[in-house]
PDB file of all heavy atoms in Angstrom:
ATOM      1  N   THR A   1     -33.667   3.019   1.198  1.00  0.00           N
ATOM      2  CA  THR A   1     -33.169   4.367   0.921  1.00  0.00           C
ATOM      3  C   THR A   1     -31.964   4.285  -0.004  1.00  0.00           C
ATOM      4  O   THR A   1     -31.000   3.563   0.302  1.00  0.00           O
ATOM      5  CB  THR A   1     -32.765   5.093   2.212  1.00  0.00           C
ATOM      6  OG1 THR A   1     -33.878   5.161   3.099  1.00  0.00           O
ATOM      7  CG2 THR A   1     -32.293   6.513   1.893  1.00  0.00           C
ATOM      8  N   ILE A   2     -32.037   4.989  -1.114  1.00  0.00           N
ATOM      9  CA  ILE A   2     -30.910   5.043  -2.036  1.00  0.00           C
ATOM     10  C   ILE A   2     -30.156   6.342  -1.827  1.00  0.00           C
ATOM     11  O   ILE A   2     -30.761   7.395  -1.558  1.00  0.00           O
ATOM     12  CB  ILE A   2     -31.387   4.906  -3.511  1.00  0.00           C
ATOM     13  CG1 ILE A   2     -30.191   4.690  -4.445  1.00  0.00           C
ATOM     14  CG2 ILE A   2     -32.237   6.097  -3.955  1.00  0.00           C
ATOM     15  CD1 ILE A   2     -30.586   4.292  -5.856  1.00  0.00           C
ATOM     16  N   SER A   3     -28.839   6.261  -1.937  1.00  0.00           N
ATOM     17  CA  SER A   3     -27.999   7.452  -1.795  1.00  0.00           C
ATOM     18  C   SER A   3     -26.761   7.267  -2.655  1.00  0.00           C
ATOM     19  O   SER A   3     -26.496   6.162  -3.137  1.00  0.00           O
ATOM     20  CB  SER A   3     -27.617   7.681  -0.328  1.00  0.00           C
ATOM     21  OG  SER A   3     -26.881   6.583   0.167  1.00  0.00           O
ATOM     22  N   ARG A   4     -26.034   8.346  -2.860  1.00  0.00           N
ATOM     23  CA  ARG A   4     -24.817   8.238  -3.652  1.00  0.00           C
ATOM     24  C   ARG A   4     -23.766   9.189  -3.144  1.00  0.00           C
ATOM     25  O   ARG A   4     -24.081  10.244  -2.571  1.00  0.00           O
ATOM     26  CB  ARG A   4     -25.094   8.474  -5.138  1.00  0.00           C
ATOM     27  CG  ARG A   4     -25.564   9.844  -5.510  1.00  0.00           C
ATOM     28  CD  ARG A   4     -25.976   9.912  -6.983  1.00  0.00           C
ATOM     29  NE  ARG A   4     -24.839   9.887  -7.886  1.00  0.00           N
ATOM     30  CZ  ARG A   4     -24.925   9.692  -9.203  1.00  0.00           C
ATOM     31  NH1 ARG A   4     -26.116   9.489  -9.759  1.00  0.00           N
ATOM     32  NH2 ARG A   4     -23.847   9.688  -9.961  1.00  0.00           N
ATOM     33  N   ASP A   5     -22.526   8.818  -3.398  1.00  0.00           N
ATOM     34  CA  ASP A   5     -21.370   9.662  -3.101  1.00  0.00           C
ATOM     35  C   ASP A   5     -20.717   9.958  -4.443  1.00  0.00           C
ATOM     36  O   ASP A   5     -20.026   9.102  -5.004  1.00  0.00           O
ATOM     37  CB  ASP A   5     -20.415   8.933  -2.160  1.00  0.00           C
ATOM     38  CG  ASP A   5     -19.239   9.786  -1.726  1.00  0.00           C
ATOM     39  OD1 ASP A   5     -18.855  10.695  -2.484  1.00  0.00           O
ATOM     40  OD2 ASP A   5     -18.684   9.532  -0.656  1.00  0.00           O
ATOM     41  N   ASN A   6     -20.964  11.143  -4.969  1.00  0.00           N
ATOM     42  CA  ASN A   6     -20.454  11.478  -6.301  1.00  0.00           C
ATOM     43  C   ASN A   6     -18.928  11.508  -6.339  1.00  0.00           C
ATOM     44  O   ASN A   6     -18.324  11.187  -7.370  1.00  0.00           O
ATOM     45  CB  ASN A   6     -21.013  12.817  -6.762  1.00  0.00           C
ATOM     46  CG  ASN A   6     -22.495  12.758  -7.070  1.00  0.00           C
ATOM     47  OD1 ASN A   6     -23.008  11.710  -7.465  1.00  0.00           O
ATOM     48  ND2 ASN A   6     -23.196  13.863  -6.886  1.00  0.00           N
ATOM     49  N   ALA A   7     -18.302  11.873  -5.252  1.00  0.00           N
ATOM     50  CA  ALA A   7     -16.834  11.922  -5.213  1.00  0.00           C
ATOM     51  C   ALA A   7     -16.237  10.522  -5.366  1.00  0.00           C
ATOM     52  O   ALA A   7     -15.138  10.367  -5.898  1.00  0.00           O
ATOM     53  CB  ALA A   7     -16.367  12.552  -3.915  1.00  0.00           C
ATOM     54  N   LYS A   8     -16.981   9.513  -4.889  1.00  0.00           N
ATOM     55  CA  LYS A   8     -16.505   8.129  -4.965  1.00  0.00           C
ATOM     56  C   LYS A   8     -17.174   7.343  -6.097  1.00  0.00           C
ATOM     57  O   LYS A   8     -16.897   6.156  -6.256  1.00  0.00           O
ATOM     58  CB  LYS A   8     -16.764   7.417  -3.639  1.00  0.00           C
ATOM     59  CG  LYS A   8     -16.008   7.990  -2.466  1.00  0.00           C
ATOM     60  CD  LYS A   8     -16.317   7.214  -1.187  1.00  0.00           C
ATOM     61  CE  LYS A   8     -15.534   7.766  -0.007  1.00  0.00           C
ATOM     62  NZ  LYS A   8     -15.837   7.015   1.249  1.00  0.00           N
ATOM     63  N   ASN A   9     -18.066   7.992  -6.847  1.00  0.00           N
ATOM     64  CA  ASN A   9     -18.822   7.291  -7.909  1.00  0.00           C
ATOM     65  C   ASN A   9     -19.461   6.025  -7.365  1.00  0.00           C
ATOM     66  O   ASN A   9     -19.408   4.957  -7.990  1.00  0.00           O
ATOM     67  CB  ASN A   9     -17.906   6.948  -9.099  1.00  0.00           C
ATOM     68  CG  ASN A   9     -17.382   8.170  -9.808  1.00  0.00           C
ATOM     69  OD1 ASN A   9     -18.086   9.170  -9.935  1.00  0.00           O
ATOM     70  ND2 ASN A   9     -16.142   8.111 -10.243  1.00  0.00           N
ATOM     71  N   THR A  10     -20.072   6.142  -6.201  1.00  0.00           N
ATOM     72  CA  THR A  10     -20.641   4.984  -5.522  1.00  0.00           C
ATOM     73  C   THR A  10     -22.094   5.251  -5.155  1.00  0.00           C
ATOM     74  O   THR A  10     -22.436   6.360  -4.716  1.00  0.00           O
ATOM     75  CB  THR A  10     -19.840   4.645  -4.253  1.00  0.00           C
ATOM     76  OG1 THR A  10     -18.489   4.338  -4.632  1.00  0.00           O
ATOM     77  CG2 THR A  10     -20.428   3.447  -3.538  1.00  0.00           C
ATOM     78  N   VAL A  11     -22.919   4.233  -5.329  1.00  0.00           N
ATOM     79  CA  VAL A  11     -24.322   4.304  -4.952  1.00  0.00           C
ATOM     80  C   VAL A  11     -24.580   3.243  -3.882  1.00  0.00           C
ATOM     81  O   VAL A  11     -23.968   2.168  -3.897  1.00  0.00           O
ATOM     82  CB  VAL A  11     -25.243   4.110  -6.165  1.00  0.00           C
ATOM     83  CG1 VAL A  11     -25.071   2.736  -6.797  1.00  0.00           C
ATOM     84  CG2 VAL A  11     -26.705   4.344  -5.794  1.00  0.00           C
ATOM     85  N   TYR A  12     -25.461   3.590  -2.956  1.00  0.00           N
ATOM     86  CA  TYR A  12     -25.787   2.704  -1.847  1.00  0.00           C
ATOM     87  C   TYR A  12     -27.292   2.434  -1.829  1.00  0.00           C
ATOM     88  O   TYR A  12     -28.095   3.276  -2.245  1.00  0.00           O
ATOM     89  CB  TYR A  12     -25.374   3.343  -0.522  1.00  0.00           C
ATOM     90  CG  TYR A  12     -23.940   3.776  -0.466  1.00  0.00           C
ATOM     91  CD1 TYR A  12     -23.586   5.095  -0.752  1.00  0.00           C
ATOM     92  CD2 TYR A  12     -22.929   2.881  -0.144  1.00  0.00           C
ATOM     93  CE1 TYR A  12     -22.254   5.501  -0.715  1.00  0.00           C
ATOM     94  CE2 TYR A  12     -21.603   3.272  -0.093  1.00  0.00           C
ATOM     95  CZ  TYR A  12     -21.270   4.583  -0.389  1.00  0.00           C
ATOM     96  OH  TYR A  12     -19.960   4.982  -0.354  1.00  0.00           O
ATOM     97  N   LEU A  13     -27.638   1.280  -1.295  1.00  0.00           N
ATOM     98  CA  LEU A  13     -29.045   0.973  -1.057  1.00  0.00           C
ATOM     99  C   LEU A  13     -29.167   0.417   0.360  1.00  0.00           C
ATOM    100  O   LEU A  13     -28.716  -0.692   0.637  1.00  0.00           O
ATOM    101  CB  LEU A  13     -29.577  -0.048  -2.066  1.00  0.00           C
ATOM    102  CG  LEU A  13     -31.082  -0.331  -1.961  1.00  0.00           C
ATOM    103  CD1 LEU A  13     -31.875   0.907  -2.399  1.00  0.00           C
ATOM    104  CD2 LEU A  13     -31.480  -1.531  -2.817  1.00  0.00           C
ATOM    105  N   GLN A  14     -29.737   1.224   1.253  1.00  0.00           N
ATOM    106  CA  GLN A  14     -29.989   0.795   2.611  1.00  0.00           C
ATOM    107  C   GLN A  14     -31.370   0.128   2.639  1.00  0.00           C
ATOM    108  O   GLN A  14     -32.369   0.778   2.308  1.00  0.00           O
ATOM    109  CB  GLN A  14     -29.955   1.977   3.576  1.00  0.00           C
ATOM    110  CG  GLN A  14     -30.258   1.615   5.021  1.00  0.00           C
ATOM    111  CD  GLN A  14     -29.212   0.707   5.625  1.00  0.00           C
ATOM    112  OE1 GLN A  14     -28.014   0.917   5.454  1.00  0.00           O
ATOM    113  NE2 GLN A  14     -29.647  -0.303   6.361  1.00  0.00           N
ATOM    114  N   MET A  15     -31.395  -1.133   3.017  1.00  0.00           N
ATOM    115  CA  MET A  15     -32.641  -1.895   3.014  1.00  0.00           C
ATOM    116  C   MET A  15     -33.004  -2.267   4.452  1.00  0.00           C
ATOM    117  O   MET A  15     -32.259  -3.018   5.101  1.00  0.00           O
ATOM    118  CB  MET A  15     -32.487  -3.158   2.158  1.00  0.00           C
ATOM    119  CG  MET A  15     -32.029  -2.870   0.733  1.00  0.00           C
ATOM    120  SD  MET A  15     -31.970  -4.336  -0.301  1.00  0.00           S
ATOM    121  CE  MET A  15     -30.623  -5.233   0.473  1.00  0.00           C
ATOM    122  N   ASN A  16     -34.104  -1.737   4.916  1.00  0.00           N
ATOM    123  CA  ASN A  16     -34.589  -2.018   6.264  1.00  0.00           C
ATOM    124  C   ASN A  16     -35.922  -2.759   6.202  1.00  0.00           C
ATOM    125  O   ASN A  16     -36.583  -2.784   5.161  1.00  0.00           O
ATOM    126  CB  ASN A  16     -34.769  -0.714   7.038  1.00  0.00           C
ATOM    127  CG  ASN A  16     -33.477   0.055   7.214  1.00  0.00           C
ATOM    128  OD1 ASN A  16     -32.401  -0.538   7.327  1.00  0.00           O
ATOM    129  ND2 ASN A  16     -33.570   1.373   7.241  1.00  0.00           N
ATOM    130  N   SER A  17     -36.301  -3.348   7.312  1.00  0.00           N
ATOM    131  CA  SER A  17     -37.574  -4.089   7.414  1.00  0.00           C
ATOM    132  C   SER A  17     -37.729  -5.063   6.251  1.00  0.00           C
ATOM    133  O   SER A  17     -38.776  -5.119   5.596  1.00  0.00           O
ATOM    134  CB  SER A  17     -38.740  -3.098   7.434  1.00  0.00           C
ATOM    135  OG  SER A  17     -38.638  -2.199   8.514  1.00  0.00           O
ATOM    136  N   LEU A  18     -36.693  -5.816   6.002  1.00  0.00           N
ATOM    137  CA  LEU A  18     -36.701  -6.723   4.851  1.00  0.00           C
ATOM    138  C   LEU A  18     -37.746  -7.820   5.009  1.00  0.00           C
ATOM    139  O   LEU A  18     -38.030  -8.288   6.127  1.00  0.00           O
ATOM    140  CB  LEU A  18     -35.316  -7.340   4.665  1.00  0.00           C
ATOM    141  CG  LEU A  18     -34.304  -6.398   3.998  1.00  0.00           C
ATOM    142  CD1 LEU A  18     -32.884  -6.856   4.263  1.00  0.00           C
ATOM    143  CD2 LEU A  18     -34.568  -6.314   2.502  1.00  0.00           C
ATOM    144  N   LYS A  19     -38.316  -8.196   3.866  1.00  0.00           N
ATOM    145  CA  LYS A  19     -39.343  -9.227   3.808  1.00  0.00           C
ATOM    146  C   LYS A  19     -38.866 -10.371   2.922  1.00  0.00           C
ATOM    147  O   LYS A  19     -38.029 -10.162   2.047  1.00  0.00           O
ATOM    148  CB  LYS A  19     -40.622  -8.643   3.208  1.00  0.00           C
ATOM    149  CG  LYS A  19     -41.151  -7.405   3.888  1.00  0.00           C
ATOM    150  CD  LYS A  19     -42.332  -6.833   3.124  1.00  0.00           C
ATOM    151  CE  LYS A  19     -42.864  -5.566   3.772  1.00  0.00           C
ATOM    152  NZ  LYS A  19     -44.001  -4.998   3.006  1.00  0.00           N
ATOM    153  N   PRO A  20     -39.424 -11.563   3.100  1.00  0.00           N
ATOM    154  CA  PRO A  20     -39.060 -12.670   2.196  1.00  0.00           C
ATOM    155  C   PRO A  20     -39.277 -12.319   0.723  1.00  0.00           C
ATOM    156  O   PRO A  20     -38.517 -12.780  -0.133  1.00  0.00           O
ATOM    157  CB  PRO A  20     -39.982 -13.796   2.657  1.00  0.00           C
ATOM    158  CG  PRO A  20     -40.179 -13.531   4.118  1.00  0.00           C
ATOM    159  CD  PRO A  20     -40.258 -12.032   4.221  1.00  0.00           C
ATOM    160  N   ASP A  21     -40.272 -11.491   0.423  1.00  0.00           N
ATOM    161  CA  ASP A  21     -40.530 -11.087  -0.964  1.00  0.00           C
ATOM    162  C   ASP A  21     -39.417 -10.224  -1.542  1.00  0.00           C
ATOM    163  O   ASP A  21     -39.382  -9.997  -2.758  1.00  0.00           O
ATOM    164  CB  ASP A  21     -41.847 -10.311  -1.070  1.00  0.00           C
ATOM    165  CG  ASP A  21     -43.064 -11.225  -1.007  1.00  0.00           C
ATOM    166  OD1 ASP A  21     -42.876 -12.462  -1.098  1.00  0.00           O
ATOM    167  OD2 ASP A  21     -44.184 -10.716  -0.874  1.00  0.00           O
ATOM    168  N   ASP A  22     -38.522  -9.726  -0.703  1.00  0.00           N
ATOM    169  CA  ASP A  22     -37.382  -8.946  -1.192  1.00  0.00           C
ATOM    170  C   ASP A  22     -36.247  -9.843  -1.681  1.00  0.00           C
ATOM    171  O   ASP A  22     -35.262  -9.342  -2.237  1.00  0.00           O
ATOM    172  CB  ASP A  22     -36.856  -8.022  -0.088  1.00  0.00           C
ATOM    173  CG  ASP A  22     -37.855  -6.964   0.326  1.00  0.00           C
ATOM    174  OD1 ASP A  22     -38.502  -6.376  -0.564  1.00  0.00           O
ATOM    175  OD2 ASP A  22     -37.991  -6.722   1.546  1.00  0.00           O
ATOM    176  N   THR A  23     -36.369 -11.138  -1.486  1.00  0.00           N
ATOM    177  CA  THR A  23     -35.347 -12.076  -1.939  1.00  0.00           C
ATOM    178  C   THR A  23     -35.201 -12.013  -3.457  1.00  0.00           C
ATOM    179  O   THR A  23     -36.166 -12.156  -4.190  1.00  0.00           O
ATOM    180  CB  THR A  23     -35.701 -13.510  -1.515  1.00  0.00           C
ATOM    181  OG1 THR A  23     -35.672 -13.592  -0.084  1.00  0.00           O
ATOM    182  CG2 THR A  23     -34.720 -14.511  -2.100  1.00  0.00           C
ATOM    183  N   ALA A  24     -33.978 -11.758  -3.910  1.00  0.00           N
ATOM    184  CA  ALA A  24     -33.727 -11.605  -5.342  1.00  0.00           C
ATOM    185  C   ALA A  24     -32.232 -11.379  -5.554  1.00  0.00           C
ATOM    186  O   ALA A  24     -31.481 -11.167  -4.598  1.00  0.00           O
ATOM    187  CB  ALA A  24     -34.498 -10.407  -5.906  1.00  0.00           C
ATOM    188  N   VAL A  25     -31.847 -11.411  -6.817  1.00  0.00           N
ATOM    189  CA  VAL A  25     -30.517 -10.924  -7.189  1.00  0.00           C
ATOM    190  C   VAL A  25     -30.674  -9.425  -7.465  1.00  0.00           C
ATOM    191  O   VAL A  25     -31.537  -9.031  -8.267  1.00  0.00           O
ATOM    192  CB  VAL A  25     -29.960 -11.655  -8.417  1.00  0.00           C
ATOM    193  CG1 VAL A  25     -28.609 -11.049  -8.813  1.00  0.00           C
ATOM    194  CG2 VAL A  25     -29.817 -13.146  -8.140  1.00  0.00           C
ATOM    195  N   TYR A  26     -29.874  -8.637  -6.821  1.00  0.00           N
ATOM    196  CA  TYR A  26     -29.932  -7.189  -6.970  1.00  0.00           C
ATOM    197  C   TYR A  26     -28.806  -6.736  -7.907  1.00  0.00           C
ATOM    198  O   TYR A  26     -27.639  -7.072  -7.691  1.00  0.00           O
ATOM    199  CB  TYR A  26     -29.811  -6.505  -5.614  1.00  0.00           C
ATOM    200  CG  TYR A  26     -31.081  -6.581  -4.810  1.00  0.00           C
ATOM    201  CD1 TYR A  26     -31.537  -7.791  -4.292  1.00  0.00           C
ATOM    202  CD2 TYR A  26     -31.854  -5.446  -4.577  1.00  0.00           C
ATOM    203  CE1 TYR A  26     -32.726  -7.872  -3.580  1.00  0.00           C
ATOM    204  CE2 TYR A  26     -33.037  -5.512  -3.850  1.00  0.00           C
ATOM    205  CZ  TYR A  26     -33.458  -6.729  -3.370  1.00  0.00           C
ATOM    206  OH  TYR A  26     -34.639  -6.801  -2.658  1.00  0.00           O
ATOM    207  N   TYR A  27     -29.210  -5.972  -8.915  1.00  0.00           N
ATOM    208  CA  TYR A  27     -28.269  -5.510  -9.933  1.00  0.00           C
ATOM    209  C   TYR A  27     -28.091  -4.004  -9.837  1.00  0.00           C
ATOM    210  O   TYR A  27     -29.075  -3.255  -9.808  1.00  0.00           O
ATOM    211  CB  TYR A  27     -28.772  -5.852 -11.324  1.00  0.00           C
ATOM    212  CG  TYR A  27     -28.833  -7.341 -11.614  1.00  0.00           C
ATOM    213  CD1 TYR A  27     -29.997  -8.055 -11.381  1.00  0.00           C
ATOM    214  CD2 TYR A  27     -27.716  -8.006 -12.125  1.00  0.00           C
ATOM    215  CE1 TYR A  27     -30.057  -9.414 -11.644  1.00  0.00           C
ATOM    216  CE2 TYR A  27     -27.767  -9.366 -12.383  1.00  0.00           C
ATOM    217  CZ  TYR A  27     -28.941 -10.065 -12.137  1.00  0.00           C
ATOM    218  OH  TYR A  27     -28.987 -11.406 -12.398  1.00  0.00           O
TER     219      TYR A  27
END
């Protein structure tokens, strides 16, 4: 789930049920 707080100019990525295939560098 992606979300953002415009007041803080911040974006979040909540990652659940992670799998080995999700292994990566996240940019």
